[in-house]
Amino acid sequence: MNLFKTTISALALIATTSMAATAQDKPQVAFIPQIAGIPYYVAMREGADRAAAELGVTYVQEGPTSTNAVDQLRIFEGFVNQGFDVIAISPLDEESLKPAIAKAREAGIIILTSDADAPGSDRQYFVAQALDRDLGYTLLDEAVARVGDAGKIAIVSDSPTIQSMQNWIAAIKERAETTYPGIEIVSVDHTDGTAARAYQFATDAMTRHPDLKAVLGMASTTCPGIAQAVEAADAIGHVLSAGYCSPNTAREYIHSGAMPYSVLWNPSDLGYLTVWIADHLLKGGEITGTMDVPGLPAPATYLPETNIILLGPPAVFTPENVDDFDF
């Protein structure tokens, strides 16, 4: 009986060891979002999990509980110490990440940025949802189509260290200067990553500028706040709010009229593409001009001058199509 138990225990140990070895043999890919738990990054995880299951990759997603660059750096360094094969990150603060990214590269880890970029770092590729210029132009063009090509517009963003949002703001300003000289950007405020702070900034902007035409939000976290401010001020039809928000985040405000549209992309597809690129690089694949990615509706495009891998053009969600999407 003792021999039987010993044999069973030994077989169980061998099986457990074999399963652990098999799991360890699978490529390990991590993604660090700017903040954990919001619908946008949940959708990214869903797409990434789908790609990981199809490709046989171990995928882990972990982000800070607030848009805190120190916490994001700590998570990044944790994945480096665990020996992940690929680490992708949506940077909150490029400068603080630069030394850590360089150290990870020296250790042989593939480093990608996804969703937001750190172009001055040693990251290898940026898996981009859309070009920053196109996102900025689209958001302003859609506003002008609704409020006219003259008037005051306020901008509410997240942390000023988030480079992608700074790029979108720069593109909006450039579009106004070159195409809509009658548009005046009256303020650019930065929140702490909460809708409550965005609400306050939007309310303040409407108070300071009774003739304000629109409030544009640069982050998913700002969208509910600016739309709620328009509703609370009974300004629907007088002040437009819009931003880079997922359909699920913006839906009730799109239908109420407080936020007639939002601009974004499909974050599930972005998550899928990020894991696909990670696996492709681990297998020694080349990054070329146009890449057919099974599981995505359209090919990805490589821009070699900036090492950007582009998912596609921005999408605009309106009352006519917002209910067709669930993310």
C-alpha atoms as a PDB file:
ATOM      1  CA  MET A   1       0.000   0.000   0.000  1.00  0.00           C
ATOM      2  CA  ASN A   2       2.823   2.358   0.887  1.00  0.00           C
ATOM      3  CA  LEU A   3       4.576   1.475  -2.377  1.00  0.00           C
ATOM      4  CA  PHE A   4       1.351   2.210  -4.276  1.00  0.00           C
ATOM      5  CA  LYS A   5       0.982   5.615  -2.587  1.00  0.00           C
ATOM      6  CA  THR A   6       4.625   6.399  -3.241  1.00  0.00           C
ATOM      7  CA  THR A   7       4.242   5.505  -6.910  1.00  0.00           C
ATOM      8  CA  ILE A   8       1.107   7.649  -7.263  1.00  0.00           C
ATOM      9  CA  SER A   9       2.844  10.588  -5.550  1.00  0.00           C
ATOM     10  CA  ALA A  10       5.843  10.260  -7.819  1.00  0.00           C
ATOM     11  CA  LEU A  11       3.655  10.177 -10.928  1.00  0.00           C
ATOM     12  CA  ALA A  12       1.750  13.240  -9.714  1.00  0.00           C
ATOM     13  CA  LEU A  13       5.009  15.084  -9.122  1.00  0.00           C
ATOM     14  CA  ILE A  14       6.254  14.198 -12.605  1.00  0.00           C
ATOM     15  CA  ALA A  15       2.971  15.369 -14.154  1.00  0.00           C
ATOM     16  CA  THR A  16       3.025  18.639 -12.223  1.00  0.00           C
ATOM     17  CA  THR A  17       6.658  19.254 -13.153  1.00  0.00           C
ATOM     18  CA  SER A  18       5.897  18.454 -16.803  1.00  0.00           C
ATOM     19  CA  MET A  19       2.935  20.864 -16.847  1.00  0.00           C
ATOM     20  CA  ALA A  20       5.048  23.614 -15.285  1.00  0.00           C
ATOM     21  CA  ALA A  21       7.806  23.033 -17.820  1.00  0.00           C
ATOM     22  CA  THR A  22       5.306  23.139 -20.669  1.00  0.00           C
ATOM     23  CA  ALA A  23       3.852  26.415 -19.373  1.00  0.00           C
ATOM     24  CA  GLN A  24       7.341  27.848 -19.014  1.00  0.00           C
ATOM     25  CA  ASP A  25       8.165  26.830 -22.585  1.00  0.00           C
ATOM     26  CA  LYS A  26       5.339  29.014 -23.920  1.00  0.00           C
ATOM     27  CA  PRO A  27       6.430  32.524 -24.919  1.00  0.00           C
ATOM     28  CA  GLN A  28       5.540  35.047 -22.220  1.00  0.00           C
ATOM     29  CA  VAL A  29       4.085  38.379 -23.316  1.00  0.00           C
ATOM     30  CA  ALA A  30       3.084  41.170 -20.923  1.00  0.00           C
ATOM     31  CA  PHE A  31       1.173  44.374 -21.533  1.00  0.00           C
ATOM     32  CA  ILE A  32       1.073  47.308 -19.114  1.00  0.00           C
ATOM     33  CA  PRO A  33      -1.843  49.713 -19.731  1.00  0.00           C
ATOM     34  CA  GLN A  34      -1.977  53.250 -18.384  1.00  0.00           C
ATOM     35  CA  ILE A  35      -4.663  52.273 -15.871  1.00  0.00           C
ATOM     36  CA  ALA A  36      -6.300  48.986 -14.922  1.00  0.00           C
ATOM     37  CA  GLY A  37      -9.938  48.063 -15.199  1.00  0.00           C
ATOM     38  CA  ILE A  38     -11.465  50.658 -17.532  1.00  0.00           C
ATOM     39  CA  PRO A  39     -13.580  49.286 -20.447  1.00  0.00           C
ATOM     40  CA  TYR A  40     -11.037  50.324 -23.058  1.00  0.00           C
ATOM     41  CA  TYR A  41      -8.231  48.212 -21.593  1.00  0.00           C
ATOM     42  CA  VAL A  42     -10.622  45.361 -20.788  1.00  0.00           C
ATOM     43  CA  ALA A  43     -11.357  45.251 -24.523  1.00  0.00           C
ATOM     44  CA  MET A  44      -7.640  45.258 -25.300  1.00  0.00           C
ATOM     45  CA  ARG A  45      -7.223  42.285 -22.968  1.00  0.00           C
ATOM     46  CA  GLU A  46     -10.036  40.395 -24.707  1.00  0.00           C
ATOM     47  CA  GLY A  47      -8.361  40.783 -28.100  1.00  0.00           C
ATOM     48  CA  ALA A  48      -4.948  39.937 -26.680  1.00  0.00           C
ATOM     49  CA  ASP A  49      -6.298  36.835 -24.929  1.00  0.00           C
ATOM     50  CA  ARG A  50      -7.839  35.690 -28.217  1.00  0.00           C
ATOM     51  CA  ALA A  51      -4.515  36.061 -30.030  1.00  0.00           C
ATOM     52  CA  ALA A  52      -2.622  34.371 -27.181  1.00  0.00           C
ATOM     53  CA  ALA A  53      -4.943  31.361 -27.277  1.00  0.00           C
ATOM     54  CA  GLU A  54      -4.601  31.016 -31.044  1.00  0.00           C
ATOM     55  CA  LEU A  55      -0.810  31.414 -31.020  1.00  0.00           C
ATOM     56  CA  GLY A  56       0.029  29.420 -27.889  1.00  0.00           C
ATOM     57  CA  VAL A  57       1.345  32.422 -25.961  1.00  0.00           C
ATOM     58  CA  THR A  58       1.141  33.139 -22.239  1.00  0.00           C
ATOM     59  CA  TYR A  59      -0.330  36.634 -21.921  1.00  0.00           C
ATOM     60  CA  VAL A  60      -0.426  38.768 -18.770  1.00  0.00           C
ATOM     61  CA  GLN A  61      -1.917  42.258 -18.484  1.00  0.00           C
ATOM     62  CA  GLU A  62      -1.349  44.385 -15.395  1.00  0.00           C
ATOM     63  CA  GLY A  63      -1.610  48.141 -14.944  1.00  0.00           C
ATOM     64  CA  PRO A  64      -1.651  50.726 -12.158  1.00  0.00           C
ATOM     65  CA  THR A  65      -4.909  51.512 -10.359  1.00  0.00           C
ATOM     66  CA  SER A  66      -4.507  55.198 -11.264  1.00  0.00           C
ATOM     67  CA  THR A  67      -2.516  56.989 -13.959  1.00  0.00           C
ATOM     68  CA  ASN A  68       0.596  56.881 -11.781  1.00  0.00           C
ATOM     69  CA  ALA A  69       3.915  56.720 -13.663  1.00  0.00           C
ATOM     70  CA  VAL A  70       5.823  55.441 -10.618  1.00  0.00           C
ATOM     71  CA  ASP A  71       3.484  52.459 -10.234  1.00  0.00           C
ATOM     72  CA  GLN A  72       3.649  51.741 -13.956  1.00  0.00           C
ATOM     73  CA  LEU A  73       7.452  51.710 -13.844  1.00  0.00           C
ATOM     74  CA  ARG A  74       7.361  49.307 -10.880  1.00  0.00           C
ATOM     75  CA  ILE A  75       5.135  46.906 -12.835  1.00  0.00           C
ATOM     76  CA  PHE A  76       7.438  47.151 -15.876  1.00  0.00           C
ATOM     77  CA  GLU A  77      10.503  46.322 -13.785  1.00  0.00           C
ATOM     78  CA  GLY A  78       8.629  43.402 -12.225  1.00  0.00           C
ATOM     79  CA  PHE A  79       8.017  41.851 -15.652  1.00  0.00           C
ATOM     80  CA  VAL A  80      11.684  42.395 -16.541  1.00  0.00           C
ATOM     81  CA  ASN A  81      12.784  40.601 -13.362  1.00  0.00           C
ATOM     82  CA  GLN A  82      10.409  37.723 -14.138  1.00  0.00           C
ATOM     83  CA  GLY A  83      12.117  37.258 -17.504  1.00  0.00           C
ATOM     84  CA  PHE A  84       9.186  37.873 -19.838  1.00  0.00           C
ATOM     85  CA  ASP A  85      10.083  37.459 -23.511  1.00  0.00           C
ATOM     86  CA  VAL A  86       8.132  40.518 -24.697  1.00  0.00           C
ATOM     87  CA  ILE A  87       6.893  43.499 -22.707  1.00  0.00           C
ATOM     88  CA  ALA A  88       4.489  45.979 -24.307  1.00  0.00           C
ATOM     89  CA  ILE A  89       3.522  49.175 -22.542  1.00  0.00           C
ATOM     90  CA  SER A  90       1.273  52.196 -23.001  1.00  0.00           C
ATOM     91  CA  PRO A  91       3.618  54.771 -21.426  1.00  0.00           C
ATOM     92  CA  LEU A  92       2.486  57.320 -18.896  1.00  0.00           C
ATOM     93  CA  ASP A  93       5.880  59.033 -18.690  1.00  0.00           C
ATOM     94  CA  GLU A  94       8.510  58.390 -21.353  1.00  0.00           C
ATOM     95  CA  GLU A  95      11.383  59.968 -19.423  1.00  0.00           C
ATOM     96  CA  SER A  96      10.974  57.776 -16.348  1.00  0.00           C
ATOM     97  CA  LEU A  97      10.760  54.645 -18.513  1.00  0.00           C
ATOM     98  CA  LYS A  98      13.794  55.303 -20.716  1.00  0.00           C
ATOM     99  CA  PRO A  99      16.457  53.742 -18.425  1.00  0.00           C
ATOM    100  CA  ALA A 100      14.246  50.746 -17.629  1.00  0.00           C
ATOM    101  CA  ILE A 101      13.524  50.113 -21.314  1.00  0.00           C
ATOM    102  CA  ALA A 102      17.240  50.325 -22.150  1.00  0.00           C
ATOM    103  CA  LYS A 103      18.053  47.853 -19.367  1.00  0.00           C
ATOM    104  CA  ALA A 104      15.360  45.449 -20.571  1.00  0.00           C
ATOM    105  CA  ARG A 105      16.689  45.588 -24.113  1.00  0.00           C
ATOM    106  CA  GLU A 106      20.183  44.779 -22.815  1.00  0.00           C
ATOM    107  CA  ALA A 107      18.678  41.699 -21.151  1.00  0.00           C
ATOM    108  CA  GLY A 108      17.376  40.542 -24.536  1.00  0.00           C
ATOM    109  CA  ILE A 109      13.709  41.368 -23.926  1.00  0.00           C
ATOM    110  CA  ILE A 110      11.659  42.642 -26.861  1.00  0.00           C
ATOM    111  CA  ILE A 111      10.082  45.965 -25.924  1.00  0.00           C
ATOM    112  CA  LEU A 112       7.033  47.323 -27.711  1.00  0.00           C
ATOM    113  CA  THR A 113       4.881  50.327 -27.049  1.00  0.00           C
ATOM    114  CA  SER A 114       1.187  49.926 -27.751  1.00  0.00           C
ATOM    115  CA  ASP A 115      -1.722  52.370 -27.518  1.00  0.00           C
ATOM    116  CA  ALA A 116       0.723  55.194 -26.638  1.00  0.00           C
ATOM    117  CA  ASP A 117       4.342  55.682 -27.655  1.00  0.00           C
ATOM    118  CA  ALA A 118       7.724  56.584 -26.208  1.00  0.00           C
ATOM    119  CA  PRO A 119       9.547  57.497 -29.432  1.00  0.00           C
ATOM    120  CA  GLY A 120      12.649  58.794 -27.653  1.00  0.00           C
ATOM    121  CA  SER A 121      13.211  55.504 -25.864  1.00  0.00           C
ATOM    122  CA  ASP A 122      14.821  52.258 -27.056  1.00  0.00           C
ATOM    123  CA  ARG A 123      11.483  50.587 -27.753  1.00  0.00           C
ATOM    124  CA  GLN A 124      11.637  48.538 -30.917  1.00  0.00           C
ATOM    125  CA  TYR A 125       8.190  49.153 -32.423  1.00  0.00           C
ATOM    126  CA  PHE A 126       5.076  51.145 -31.618  1.00  0.00           C
ATOM    127  CA  VAL A 127       1.886  49.167 -32.283  1.00  0.00           C
ATOM    128  CA  ALA A 128      -0.344  52.136 -33.039  1.00  0.00           C
ATOM    129  CA  GLN A 129      -4.111  52.332 -33.178  1.00  0.00           C
ATOM    130  CA  ALA A 130      -4.001  55.216 -35.688  1.00  0.00           C
ATOM    131  CA  LEU A 131      -1.657  58.071 -36.531  1.00  0.00           C
ATOM    132  CA  ASP A 132      -1.685  60.856 -33.954  1.00  0.00           C
ATOM    133  CA  ARG A 133      -2.202  63.450 -36.667  1.00  0.00           C
ATOM    134  CA  ASP A 134      -5.221  61.618 -38.092  1.00  0.00           C
ATOM    135  CA  LEU A 135      -6.759  61.269 -34.633  1.00  0.00           C
ATOM    136  CA  GLY A 136      -6.329  64.966 -33.876  1.00  0.00           C
ATOM    137  CA  TYR A 137      -7.607  66.071 -37.270  1.00  0.00           C
ATOM    138  CA  THR A 138     -10.626  63.748 -37.128  1.00  0.00           C
ATOM    139  CA  LEU A 139     -11.755  64.890 -33.688  1.00  0.00           C
ATOM    140  CA  LEU A 140     -11.637  68.563 -34.700  1.00  0.00           C
ATOM    141  CA  ASP A 141     -13.090  68.022 -38.185  1.00  0.00           C
ATOM    142  CA  GLU A 142     -16.108  66.261 -36.690  1.00  0.00           C
ATOM    143  CA  ALA A 143     -16.583  69.091 -34.172  1.00  0.00           C
ATOM    144  CA  VAL A 144     -16.403  71.755 -36.869  1.00  0.00           C
ATOM    145  CA  ALA A 145     -18.952  69.857 -38.957  1.00  0.00           C
ATOM    146  CA  ARG A 146     -21.390  70.245 -36.059  1.00  0.00           C
ATOM    147  CA  VAL A 147     -20.597  73.653 -34.483  1.00  0.00           C
ATOM    148  CA  GLY A 148     -19.162  75.578 -37.430  1.00  0.00           C
ATOM    149  CA  ASP A 149     -15.659  76.724 -38.312  1.00  0.00           C
ATOM    150  CA  ALA A 150     -15.487  79.610 -35.832  1.00  0.00           C
ATOM    151  CA  GLY A 151     -15.733  79.704 -32.058  1.00  0.00           C
ATOM    152  CA  LYS A 152     -14.108  78.747 -28.775  1.00  0.00           C
ATOM    153  CA  ILE A 153     -13.105  75.201 -27.856  1.00  0.00           C
ATOM    154  CA  ALA A 154     -11.688  73.876 -24.568  1.00  0.00           C
ATOM    155  CA  ILE A 155      -9.558  70.743 -24.227  1.00  0.00           C
ATOM    156  CA  VAL A 156      -9.485  68.447 -21.181  1.00  0.00           C
ATOM    157  CA  SER A 157      -6.707  65.851 -21.107  1.00  0.00           C
ATOM    158  CA  ASP A 158      -5.089  63.415 -18.689  1.00  0.00           C
ATOM    159  CA  SER A 159      -1.533  63.725 -17.370  1.00  0.00           C
ATOM    160  CA  PRO A 160       0.740  66.028 -19.425  1.00  0.00           C
ATOM    161  CA  THR A 161       3.395  63.283 -19.424  1.00  0.00           C
ATOM    162  CA  ILE A 162       1.270  61.047 -21.702  1.00  0.00           C
ATOM    163  CA  GLN A 163       2.937  61.742 -25.035  1.00  0.00           C
ATOM    164  CA  SER A 164       0.184  60.418 -27.275  1.00  0.00           C
ATOM    165  CA  MET A 165      -2.343  62.841 -25.800  1.00  0.00           C
ATOM    166  CA  GLN A 166       0.103  65.697 -26.164  1.00  0.00           C
ATOM    167  CA  ASN A 167       0.477  64.694 -29.808  1.00  0.00           C
ATOM    168  CA  TRP A 168      -3.300  64.690 -30.319  1.00  0.00           C
ATOM    169  CA  ILE A 169      -3.556  68.148 -28.768  1.00  0.00           C
ATOM    170  CA  ALA A 170      -0.748  69.400 -31.025  1.00  0.00           C
ATOM    171  CA  ALA A 171      -2.550  67.967 -34.072  1.00  0.00           C
ATOM    172  CA  ILE A 172      -5.815  69.662 -33.055  1.00  0.00           C
ATOM    173  CA  LYS A 173      -4.028  72.996 -32.678  1.00  0.00           C
ATOM    174  CA  GLU A 174      -2.266  72.565 -36.007  1.00  0.00           C
ATOM    175  CA  ARG A 175      -5.545  71.716 -37.751  1.00  0.00           C
ATOM    176  CA  ALA A 176      -7.190  74.794 -36.251  1.00  0.00           C
ATOM    177  CA  GLU A 177      -4.349  77.089 -37.303  1.00  0.00           C
ATOM    178  CA  THR A 178      -4.030  75.786 -40.849  1.00  0.00           C
ATOM    179  CA  THR A 179      -7.617  74.903 -41.734  1.00  0.00           C
ATOM    180  CA  TYR A 180      -9.976  76.598 -39.267  1.00  0.00           C
ATOM    181  CA  PRO A 181      -8.445  79.961 -38.287  1.00  0.00           C
ATOM    182  CA  GLY A 182     -11.767  80.974 -36.736  1.00  0.00           C
ATOM    183  CA  ILE A 183     -11.429  78.249 -34.092  1.00  0.00           C
ATOM    184  CA  GLU A 184      -9.842  79.405 -30.826  1.00  0.00           C
ATOM    185  CA  ILE A 185      -8.454  76.872 -28.334  1.00  0.00           C
ATOM    186  CA  VAL A 186      -9.143  78.739 -25.090  1.00  0.00           C
ATOM    187  CA  SER A 187      -7.736  76.251 -22.573  1.00  0.00           C
ATOM    188  CA  VAL A 188      -5.937  72.933 -22.154  1.00  0.00           C
ATOM    189  CA  ASP A 189      -6.398  71.366 -18.712  1.00  0.00           C
ATOM    190  CA  HIS A 190      -4.893  68.163 -17.334  1.00  0.00           C
ATOM    191  CA  THR A 191      -6.747  65.900 -14.915  1.00  0.00           C
ATOM    192  CA  ASP A 192      -5.620  63.316 -12.387  1.00  0.00           C
ATOM    193  CA  GLY A 193      -7.208  60.540 -14.413  1.00  0.00           C
ATOM    194  CA  THR A 194     -10.695  60.925 -12.929  1.00  0.00           C
ATOM    195  CA  ALA A 195     -14.039  61.853 -14.451  1.00  0.00           C
ATOM    196  CA  ALA A 196     -14.723  64.125 -11.470  1.00  0.00           C
ATOM    197  CA  ARG A 197     -11.750  66.312 -12.291  1.00  0.00           C
ATOM    198  CA  ALA A 198     -12.729  66.412 -15.972  1.00  0.00           C
ATOM    199  CA  TYR A 199     -16.237  67.487 -14.921  1.00  0.00           C
ATOM    200  CA  GLN A 200     -14.780  70.366 -12.924  1.00  0.00           C
ATOM    201  CA  PHE A 201     -12.521  71.551 -15.750  1.00  0.00           C
ATOM    202  CA  ALA A 202     -15.371  71.412 -18.282  1.00  0.00           C
ATOM    203  CA  THR A 203     -17.681  73.290 -15.915  1.00  0.00           C
ATOM    204  CA  ASP A 204     -15.012  75.932 -15.300  1.00  0.00           C
ATOM    205  CA  ALA A 205     -14.455  76.361 -19.054  1.00  0.00           C
ATOM    206  CA  MET A 206     -18.173  76.883 -19.682  1.00  0.00           C
ATOM    207  CA  THR A 207     -18.336  79.384 -16.818  1.00  0.00           C
ATOM    208  CA  ARG A 208     -15.340  81.381 -18.042  1.00  0.00           C
ATOM    209  CA  HIS A 209     -16.555  81.311 -21.658  1.00  0.00           C
ATOM    210  CA  PRO A 210     -20.360  81.558 -21.912  1.00  0.00           C
ATOM    211  CA  ASP A 211     -20.002  81.388 -25.695  1.00  0.00           C
ATOM    212  CA  LEU A 212     -17.955  78.153 -25.611  1.00  0.00           C
ATOM    213  CA  LYS A 213     -18.769  75.897 -28.553  1.00  0.00           C
ATOM    214  CA  ALA A 214     -17.170  72.588 -27.508  1.00  0.00           C
ATOM    215  CA  VAL A 215     -15.165  70.657 -24.931  1.00  0.00           C
ATOM    216  CA  LEU A 216     -12.883  67.934 -26.291  1.00  0.00           C
ATOM    217  CA  GLY A 217     -11.635  65.101 -24.046  1.00  0.00           C
ATOM    218  CA  MET A 218      -8.323  63.397 -24.736  1.00  0.00           C
ATOM    219  CA  ALA A 219      -8.793  60.299 -22.547  1.00  0.00           C
ATOM    220  CA  SER A 220     -11.492  57.707 -21.898  1.00  0.00           C
ATOM    221  CA  THR A 221     -11.488  58.823 -18.270  1.00  0.00           C
ATOM    222  CA  THR A 222     -12.348  62.407 -19.266  1.00  0.00           C
ATOM    223  CA  CYS A 223     -15.316  61.562 -21.512  1.00  0.00           C
ATOM    224  CA  PRO A 224     -17.962  60.879 -18.839  1.00  0.00           C
ATOM    225  CA  GLY A 225     -16.885  63.964 -16.886  1.00  0.00           C
ATOM    226  CA  ILE A 226     -17.127  66.449 -19.747  1.00  0.00           C
ATOM    227  CA  ALA A 227     -20.415  64.984 -21.002  1.00  0.00           C
ATOM    228  CA  GLN A 228     -21.920  65.085 -17.505  1.00  0.00           C
ATOM    229  CA  ALA A 229     -20.812  68.725 -17.180  1.00  0.00           C
ATOM    230  CA  VAL A 230     -22.687  69.604 -20.378  1.00  0.00           C
ATOM    231  CA  GLU A 231     -25.787  67.796 -19.116  1.00  0.00           C
ATOM    232  CA  ALA A 232     -25.598  69.440 -15.670  1.00  0.00           C
ATOM    233  CA  ALA A 233     -25.288  72.881 -17.254  1.00  0.00           C
ATOM    234  CA  ASP A 234     -28.362  72.178 -19.398  1.00  0.00           C
ATOM    235  CA  ALA A 235     -26.125  72.978 -22.361  1.00  0.00           C
ATOM    236  CA  ILE A 236     -27.032  70.116 -24.718  1.00  0.00           C
ATOM    237  CA  GLY A 237     -27.330  71.652 -28.172  1.00  0.00           C
ATOM    238  CA  HIS A 238     -25.297  74.673 -27.104  1.00  0.00           C
ATOM    239  CA  VAL A 239     -21.970  73.122 -26.031  1.00  0.00           C
ATOM    240  CA  LEU A 240     -20.710  70.000 -27.753  1.00  0.00           C
ATOM    241  CA  SER A 241     -18.597  67.452 -25.891  1.00  0.00           C
ATOM    242  CA  ALA A 242     -16.591  64.810 -27.725  1.00  0.00           C
ATOM    243  CA  GLY A 243     -13.451  62.795 -27.213  1.00  0.00           C
ATOM    244  CA  TYR A 244     -11.500  59.596 -27.592  1.00  0.00           C
ATOM    245  CA  CYS A 245     -13.908  57.224 -25.866  1.00  0.00           C
ATOM    246  CA  SER A 246     -15.081  53.652 -26.302  1.00  0.00           C
ATOM    247  CA  PRO A 247     -18.674  53.157 -27.467  1.00  0.00           C
ATOM    248  CA  ASN A 248     -19.672  51.639 -24.116  1.00  0.00           C
ATOM    249  CA  THR A 249     -18.255  54.640 -22.246  1.00  0.00           C
ATOM    250  CA  ALA A 250     -19.833  57.211 -24.544  1.00  0.00           C
ATOM    251  CA  ARG A 251     -23.095  55.462 -25.463  1.00  0.00           C
ATOM    252  CA  GLU A 252     -25.515  57.086 -23.003  1.00  0.00           C
ATOM    253  CA  TYR A 253     -24.077  60.530 -23.730  1.00  0.00           C
ATOM    254  CA  ILE A 254     -24.187  59.981 -27.489  1.00  0.00           C
ATOM    255  CA  HIS A 255     -27.865  59.087 -27.198  1.00  0.00           C
ATOM    256  CA  SER A 256     -28.593  62.003 -24.842  1.00  0.00           C
ATOM    257  CA  GLY A 257     -26.986  64.436 -27.275  1.00  0.00           C
ATOM    258  CA  ALA A 258     -24.405  65.663 -24.770  1.00  0.00           C
ATOM    259  CA  MET A 259     -21.654  63.916 -26.768  1.00  0.00           C
ATOM    260  CA  PRO A 260     -22.847  63.613 -30.373  1.00  0.00           C
ATOM    261  CA  TYR A 261     -19.869  61.503 -31.393  1.00  0.00           C
ATOM    262  CA  SER A 262     -16.646  59.937 -30.166  1.00  0.00           C
ATOM    263  CA  VAL A 263     -13.487  59.029 -32.052  1.00  0.00           C
ATOM    264  CA  LEU A 264     -11.488  55.902 -31.380  1.00  0.00           C
ATOM    265  CA  TRP A 265     -10.557  52.537 -32.886  1.00  0.00           C
ATOM    266  CA  ASN A 266     -11.277  48.950 -31.911  1.00  0.00           C
ATOM    267  CA  PRO A 267      -9.106  48.285 -28.826  1.00  0.00           C
ATOM    268  CA  SER A 268      -9.800  44.562 -29.058  1.00  0.00           C
ATOM    269  CA  ASP A 269      -8.128  44.556 -32.480  1.00  0.00           C
ATOM    270  CA  LEU A 270      -5.238  46.590 -31.055  1.00  0.00           C
ATOM    271  CA  GLY A 271      -4.726  44.026 -28.293  1.00  0.00           C
ATOM    272  CA  TYR A 272      -4.817  41.223 -30.848  1.00  0.00           C
ATOM    273  CA  LEU A 273      -2.283  42.966 -33.089  1.00  0.00           C
ATOM    274  CA  THR A 274       0.063  43.646 -30.152  1.00  0.00           C
ATOM    275  CA  VAL A 275       0.249  39.965 -29.213  1.00  0.00           C
ATOM    276  CA  TRP A 276       0.478  38.890 -32.864  1.00  0.00           C
ATOM    277  CA  ILE A 277       3.455  41.212 -33.436  1.00  0.00           C
ATOM    278  CA  ALA A 278       5.107  39.968 -30.233  1.00  0.00           C
ATOM    279  CA  ASP A 279       4.769  36.344 -31.350  1.00  0.00           C
ATOM    280  CA  HIS A 280       5.842  37.202 -34.906  1.00  0.00           C
ATOM    281  CA  LEU A 281       9.066  38.799 -33.638  1.00  0.00           C
ATOM    282  CA  LEU A 282       9.801  35.897 -31.282  1.00  0.00           C
ATOM    283  CA  LYS A 283       9.527  33.542 -34.248  1.00  0.00           C
ATOM    284  CA  GLY A 284      12.027  35.634 -36.200  1.00  0.00           C
ATOM    285  CA  GLY A 285       9.427  37.139 -38.516  1.00  0.00           C
ATOM    286  CA  GLU A 286      10.119  40.309 -40.482  1.00  0.00           C
ATOM    287  CA  ILE A 287       8.188  43.533 -40.118  1.00  0.00           C
ATOM    288  CA  THR A 288       7.286  44.618 -43.647  1.00  0.00           C
ATOM    289  CA  GLY A 289       5.242  47.307 -45.383  1.00  0.00           C
ATOM    290  CA  THR A 290       1.892  45.498 -45.335  1.00  0.00           C
ATOM    291  CA  MET A 291       1.203  42.508 -43.123  1.00  0.00           C
ATOM    292  CA  ASP A 292      -1.841  40.270 -43.331  1.00  0.00           C
ATOM    293  CA  VAL A 293      -2.808  39.416 -39.765  1.00  0.00           C
ATOM    294  CA  PRO A 294      -5.220  36.477 -39.474  1.00  0.00           C
ATOM    295  CA  GLY A 295      -7.967  37.428 -37.069  1.00  0.00           C
ATOM    296  CA  LEU A 296      -8.057  41.108 -38.061  1.00  0.00           C
ATOM    297  CA  PRO A 297     -10.372  42.676 -40.650  1.00  0.00           C
ATOM    298  CA  ALA A 298      -7.600  44.516 -42.525  1.00  0.00           C
ATOM    299  CA  PRO A 299      -3.816  44.307 -42.985  1.00  0.00           C
ATOM    300  CA  ALA A 300      -1.488  46.196 -40.648  1.00  0.00           C
ATOM    301  CA  THR A 301       0.839  48.787 -42.152  1.00  0.00           C
ATOM    302  CA  TYR A 302       4.497  49.305 -41.224  1.00  0.00           C
ATOM    303  CA  LEU A 303       5.946  52.828 -41.313  1.00  0.00           C
ATOM    304  CA  PRO A 304       9.728  52.240 -41.303  1.00  0.00           C
ATOM    305  CA  GLU A 305      10.738  55.875 -40.780  1.00  0.00           C
ATOM    306  CA  THR A 306       9.179  55.805 -37.310  1.00  0.00           C
ATOM    307  CA  ASN A 307       9.046  52.048 -36.604  1.00  0.00           C
ATOM    308  CA  ILE A 308       5.285  52.286 -36.236  1.00  0.00           C
ATOM    309  CA  ILE A 309       2.993  49.360 -36.985  1.00  0.00           C
ATOM    310  CA  LEU A 310      -0.394  50.861 -37.785  1.00  0.00           C
ATOM    311  CA  LEU A 311      -3.713  49.163 -37.087  1.00  0.00           C
ATOM    312  CA  GLY A 312      -5.735  51.507 -39.295  1.00  0.00           C
ATOM    313  CA  PRO A 313      -7.616  54.831 -39.567  1.00  0.00           C
ATOM    314  CA  PRO A 314      -9.734  56.267 -36.730  1.00  0.00           C
ATOM    315  CA  ALA A 315     -13.357  55.249 -36.279  1.00  0.00           C
ATOM    316  CA  VAL A 316     -16.185  57.683 -35.502  1.00  0.00           C
ATOM    317  CA  PHE A 317     -19.060  56.496 -33.294  1.00  0.00           C
ATOM    318  CA  THR A 318     -22.400  58.312 -33.652  1.00  0.00           C
ATOM    319  CA  PRO A 319     -26.046  57.663 -32.707  1.00  0.00           C
ATOM    320  CA  GLU A 320     -26.379  55.761 -35.962  1.00  0.00           C
ATOM    321  CA  ASN A 321     -23.662  53.164 -35.281  1.00  0.00           C
ATOM    322  CA  VAL A 322     -22.685  53.226 -31.589  1.00  0.00           C
ATOM    323  CA  ASP A 323     -25.019  50.332 -30.704  1.00  0.00           C
ATOM    324  CA  ASP A 324     -23.254  48.122 -33.238  1.00  0.00           C
ATOM    325  CA  PHE A 325     -20.178  47.944 -30.970  1.00  0.00           C
ATOM    326  CA  ASP A 326     -19.587  46.417 -27.541  1.00  0.00           C
ATOM    327  CA  PHE A 327     -16.335  47.588 -25.972  1.00  0.00           C
END
